[in-house]
């Protein structure tokens, strides 16, 4: 789920193409791995959990975002507010 979420964030930030996102999602689903949050989990609960994650440094969570499949930006800091904005619309 995390890889798909970070890929979606990449699309919303204008880094990854929609086609690249769809391809990544299909590959992950092809291995019978989850690509969506299970029922009972909310975006808010996930963002609260990431705030306590090892990737959180100085009030920002450091994400791995994709420019394309095979080319990543590692450690991109985003606040929980920004992360929420990326998923809200």
N, C-alpha and C. Protein backbone atom coordinates (compact mmCIF):
# COMPACT_ATOMS: atom_id res chain seq x y z
N UNK A 1 0.83 -1.18 0.00
CA UNK A 1 0.00 0.00 0.00
C UNK A 1 0.89 1.25 0.00
N UNK A 2 1.98 1.21 0.74
CA UNK A 2 2.85 2.37 0.84
C UNK A 2 3.47 2.77 -0.49
N UNK A 3 3.89 1.78 -1.27
CA UNK A 3 4.48 2.09 -2.58
C UNK A 3 3.45 2.74 -3.50
N UNK A 4 2.24 2.25 -3.47
CA UNK A 4 1.18 2.82 -4.30
C UNK A 4 0.85 4.23 -3.82
N UNK A 5 0.80 4.42 -2.51
CA UNK A 5 0.51 5.75 -1.96
C UNK A 5 1.59 6.75 -2.35
N UNK A 6 2.85 6.36 -2.24
CA UNK A 6 3.93 7.26 -2.61
C UNK A 6 3.94 7.53 -4.12
N UNK A 7 3.55 6.55 -4.91
CA UNK A 7 3.43 6.77 -6.35
C UNK A 7 2.30 7.76 -6.63
N UNK A 8 1.18 7.64 -5.92
CA UNK A 8 0.07 8.58 -6.10
C UNK A 8 0.50 9.99 -5.72
N UNK A 9 1.24 10.11 -4.62
CA UNK A 9 1.76 11.42 -4.22
C UNK A 9 2.66 11.99 -5.32
N UNK A 10 3.43 11.13 -5.93
CA UNK A 10 4.31 11.55 -7.02
C UNK A 10 3.52 12.09 -8.20
N UNK A 11 2.40 11.44 -8.52
CA UNK A 11 1.53 11.92 -9.59
C UNK A 11 0.98 13.29 -9.23
N UNK A 12 0.46 13.42 -8.03
CA UNK A 12 -0.16 14.68 -7.59
C UNK A 12 0.84 15.84 -7.57
N UNK A 13 2.12 15.52 -7.34
CA UNK A 13 3.16 16.55 -7.35
C UNK A 13 3.71 16.82 -8.74
N UNK A 14 3.20 16.11 -9.74
CA UNK A 14 3.63 16.31 -11.11
C UNK A 14 4.94 15.64 -11.46
N UNK A 15 5.35 14.65 -10.68
CA UNK A 15 6.61 13.96 -10.92
C UNK A 15 6.42 12.73 -11.81
N UNK A 16 5.44 11.91 -11.49
CA UNK A 16 5.20 10.64 -12.17
C UNK A 16 3.97 10.78 -13.06
N UNK A 17 4.01 10.18 -14.23
CA UNK A 17 2.85 10.22 -15.13
C UNK A 17 1.74 9.31 -14.59
N UNK A 18 0.52 9.60 -14.99
CA UNK A 18 -0.61 8.76 -14.61
C UNK A 18 -0.41 7.34 -15.14
N UNK A 19 0.15 7.21 -16.33
CA UNK A 19 0.42 5.89 -16.89
C UNK A 19 1.43 5.12 -16.07
N UNK A 20 2.45 5.80 -15.58
CA UNK A 20 3.44 5.15 -14.72
C UNK A 20 2.82 4.66 -13.43
N UNK A 21 1.93 5.48 -12.86
CA UNK A 21 1.21 5.08 -11.65
C UNK A 21 0.37 3.84 -11.91
N UNK A 22 -0.40 3.86 -13.00
CA UNK A 22 -1.28 2.73 -13.31
C UNK A 22 -0.47 1.45 -13.52
N UNK A 23 0.66 1.58 -14.18
CA UNK A 23 1.51 0.41 -14.41
C UNK A 23 2.02 -0.17 -13.08
N UNK A 24 2.51 0.70 -12.20
CA UNK A 24 3.01 0.25 -10.90
C UNK A 24 1.90 -0.42 -10.10
N UNK A 25 0.72 0.18 -10.11
CA UNK A 25 -0.41 -0.38 -9.37
C UNK A 25 -0.78 -1.77 -9.92
N UNK A 26 -0.79 -1.92 -11.24
CA UNK A 26 -1.11 -3.23 -11.86
C UNK A 26 -0.08 -4.29 -11.48
N UNK A 27 1.19 -3.93 -11.48
CA UNK A 27 2.24 -4.89 -11.14
C UNK A 27 2.09 -5.34 -9.69
N UNK A 28 1.87 -4.41 -8.80
CA UNK A 28 1.70 -4.77 -7.39
C UNK A 28 0.47 -5.63 -7.19
N UNK A 29 -0.63 -5.25 -7.81
CA UNK A 29 -1.87 -6.05 -7.72
C UNK A 29 -1.66 -7.43 -8.34
N UNK A 30 -0.84 -7.51 -9.38
CA UNK A 30 -0.56 -8.79 -10.03
C UNK A 30 0.12 -9.79 -9.12
N UNK A 31 0.79 -9.28 -8.09
CA UNK A 31 1.41 -10.16 -7.08
C UNK A 31 0.48 -10.37 -5.89
N UNK A 32 -0.77 -10.00 -6.05
CA UNK A 32 -1.81 -10.16 -5.03
C UNK A 32 -1.47 -9.41 -3.75
N UNK A 33 -0.82 -8.26 -3.92
CA UNK A 33 -0.53 -7.38 -2.80
C UNK A 33 -1.57 -6.28 -2.76
N UNK A 34 -1.88 -5.77 -1.57
CA UNK A 34 -2.92 -4.73 -1.49
C UNK A 34 -2.45 -3.42 -2.11
N UNK A 35 -3.40 -2.72 -2.71
CA UNK A 35 -3.11 -1.42 -3.31
C UNK A 35 -4.00 -0.32 -2.73
N UNK A 36 -4.93 -0.67 -1.89
CA UNK A 36 -5.86 0.28 -1.27
C UNK A 36 -5.92 0.02 0.24
N UNK A 37 -6.31 1.05 0.97
CA UNK A 37 -6.50 0.88 2.41
C UNK A 37 -7.66 -0.07 2.68
N UNK A 38 -7.48 -0.96 3.63
CA UNK A 38 -8.61 -1.84 4.01
C UNK A 38 -9.71 -1.01 4.67
N UNK A 39 -10.93 -1.51 4.63
CA UNK A 39 -12.02 -0.80 5.30
C UNK A 39 -11.69 -0.70 6.79
N UNK A 40 -12.12 0.36 7.38
CA UNK A 40 -11.83 0.59 8.79
C UNK A 40 -10.60 1.46 9.03
N UNK A 41 -9.82 1.69 7.99
CA UNK A 41 -8.66 2.58 8.11
C UNK A 41 -8.99 3.88 7.40
N UNK A 42 -8.61 4.98 8.01
CA UNK A 42 -8.83 6.27 7.39
C UNK A 42 -7.50 6.91 7.05
N UNK A 43 -7.54 7.87 6.15
CA UNK A 43 -6.35 8.61 5.79
C UNK A 43 -5.76 9.27 7.04
N UNK A 44 -6.62 9.82 7.87
CA UNK A 44 -6.14 10.48 9.09
C UNK A 44 -5.39 9.52 10.00
N UNK A 45 -5.89 8.30 10.16
CA UNK A 45 -5.21 7.34 11.03
C UNK A 45 -3.86 6.94 10.46
N UNK A 46 -3.77 6.83 9.15
CA UNK A 46 -2.50 6.49 8.52
C UNK A 46 -1.50 7.63 8.68
N UNK A 47 -1.95 8.87 8.46
CA UNK A 47 -1.05 10.02 8.60
C UNK A 47 -0.59 10.18 10.04
N UNK A 48 -1.46 9.90 11.01
CA UNK A 48 -1.03 9.94 12.43
C UNK A 48 0.04 8.90 12.70
N UNK A 49 -0.13 7.71 12.12
CA UNK A 49 0.86 6.65 12.31
C UNK A 49 2.19 7.01 11.66
N UNK A 50 2.16 7.63 10.48
CA UNK A 50 3.41 7.99 9.82
C UNK A 50 4.14 9.09 10.59
N UNK A 51 3.39 9.89 11.35
CA UNK A 51 4.03 10.93 12.17
C UNK A 51 4.91 10.31 13.25
N UNK A 52 4.64 9.07 13.61
CA UNK A 52 5.44 8.37 14.63
C UNK A 52 6.45 7.40 14.00
N UNK A 53 6.49 7.39 12.68
CA UNK A 53 7.36 6.47 11.95
C UNK A 53 8.81 6.94 11.97
N UNK A 54 9.72 6.01 11.71
CA UNK A 54 11.15 6.32 11.67
C UNK A 54 11.50 7.32 10.57
N UNK A 55 10.63 7.47 9.58
CA UNK A 55 10.88 8.42 8.49
C UNK A 55 10.56 9.86 8.90
N UNK A 56 9.98 10.06 10.09
CA UNK A 56 9.62 11.39 10.55
C UNK A 56 10.84 12.06 11.17
N UNK A 57 11.19 13.21 10.62
CA UNK A 57 12.31 13.98 11.15
C UNK A 57 11.95 15.45 11.11
N UNK A 58 11.97 16.09 12.26
CA UNK A 58 11.73 17.52 12.32
C UNK A 58 10.36 17.97 11.87
N UNK A 59 9.34 17.17 12.11
CA UNK A 59 7.98 17.56 11.76
C UNK A 59 7.57 17.21 10.34
N UNK A 60 8.45 16.61 9.58
CA UNK A 60 8.12 16.17 8.22
C UNK A 60 8.44 14.69 8.09
N UNK A 61 7.62 14.01 7.31
CA UNK A 61 7.89 12.61 7.00
C UNK A 61 8.65 12.59 5.68
N UNK A 62 9.68 11.77 5.62
CA UNK A 62 10.51 11.68 4.41
C UNK A 62 10.03 10.52 3.55
N UNK A 63 9.54 10.86 2.38
CA UNK A 63 8.96 9.89 1.46
C UNK A 63 9.91 9.59 0.30
N UNK A 64 9.68 8.47 -0.34
CA UNK A 64 10.36 8.13 -1.59
C UNK A 64 9.36 8.36 -2.71
N UNK A 65 9.66 9.33 -3.55
CA UNK A 65 8.75 9.70 -4.64
C UNK A 65 9.38 9.34 -5.97
N UNK A 66 8.54 9.08 -6.95
CA UNK A 66 9.02 8.61 -8.25
C UNK A 66 8.95 9.70 -9.32
N UNK A 67 10.04 9.84 -10.07
CA UNK A 67 10.03 10.64 -11.29
C UNK A 67 9.49 9.77 -12.43
N UNK A 68 9.84 8.51 -12.38
CA UNK A 68 9.35 7.48 -13.31
C UNK A 68 9.68 6.14 -12.66
N UNK A 69 9.17 5.08 -13.19
CA UNK A 69 9.50 3.76 -12.66
C UNK A 69 11.00 3.55 -12.87
N UNK A 70 11.70 3.26 -11.80
CA UNK A 70 13.14 3.06 -11.85
C UNK A 70 13.96 4.28 -11.48
N UNK A 71 13.31 5.44 -11.30
CA UNK A 71 14.02 6.66 -10.91
C UNK A 71 13.27 7.33 -9.77
N UNK A 72 13.88 7.28 -8.59
CA UNK A 72 13.21 7.77 -7.38
C UNK A 72 13.96 8.92 -6.74
N UNK A 73 13.21 9.72 -6.02
CA UNK A 73 13.75 10.76 -5.14
C UNK A 73 13.56 10.24 -3.72
N UNK A 74 14.64 9.99 -3.04
CA UNK A 74 14.58 9.38 -1.71
C UNK A 74 14.69 10.47 -0.65
N UNK A 75 13.86 10.35 0.38
CA UNK A 75 13.93 11.27 1.51
C UNK A 75 13.32 12.63 1.26
N UNK A 76 12.24 12.70 0.49
CA UNK A 76 11.57 13.97 0.21
C UNK A 76 10.70 14.34 1.41
N UNK A 77 11.00 15.44 2.09
CA UNK A 77 10.22 15.80 3.29
C UNK A 77 8.89 16.45 2.94
N UNK A 78 7.82 15.93 3.53
CA UNK A 78 6.49 16.52 3.38
C UNK A 78 5.83 16.56 4.76
N UNK A 79 5.17 17.67 5.06
CA UNK A 79 4.42 17.75 6.31
C UNK A 79 3.16 16.90 6.19
N UNK A 80 2.55 16.60 7.32
CA UNK A 80 1.31 15.83 7.28
C UNK A 80 0.21 16.63 6.60
N UNK A 81 0.25 17.95 6.72
CA UNK A 81 -0.74 18.79 6.04
C UNK A 81 -0.60 18.65 4.53
N UNK A 82 0.61 18.71 4.03
CA UNK A 82 0.84 18.57 2.59
C UNK A 82 0.45 17.18 2.12
N UNK A 83 0.82 16.15 2.88
CA UNK A 83 0.45 14.78 2.51
C UNK A 83 -1.07 14.65 2.44
N UNK A 84 -1.77 15.21 3.40
CA UNK A 84 -3.23 15.16 3.40
C UNK A 84 -3.78 15.86 2.16
N UNK A 85 -3.24 17.01 1.82
CA UNK A 85 -3.68 17.75 0.63
C UNK A 85 -3.54 16.90 -0.64
N UNK A 86 -2.46 16.14 -0.72
CA UNK A 86 -2.21 15.33 -1.92
C UNK A 86 -3.26 14.23 -2.09
N UNK A 87 -3.82 13.75 -0.98
CA UNK A 87 -4.82 12.68 -1.06
C UNK A 87 -6.25 13.20 -1.01
N UNK A 88 -6.42 14.45 -0.62
CA UNK A 88 -7.79 14.99 -0.38
C UNK A 88 -8.59 15.16 -1.65
N UNK A 89 -7.93 15.44 -2.76
CA UNK A 89 -8.73 15.69 -3.96
C UNK A 89 -8.51 14.62 -5.01
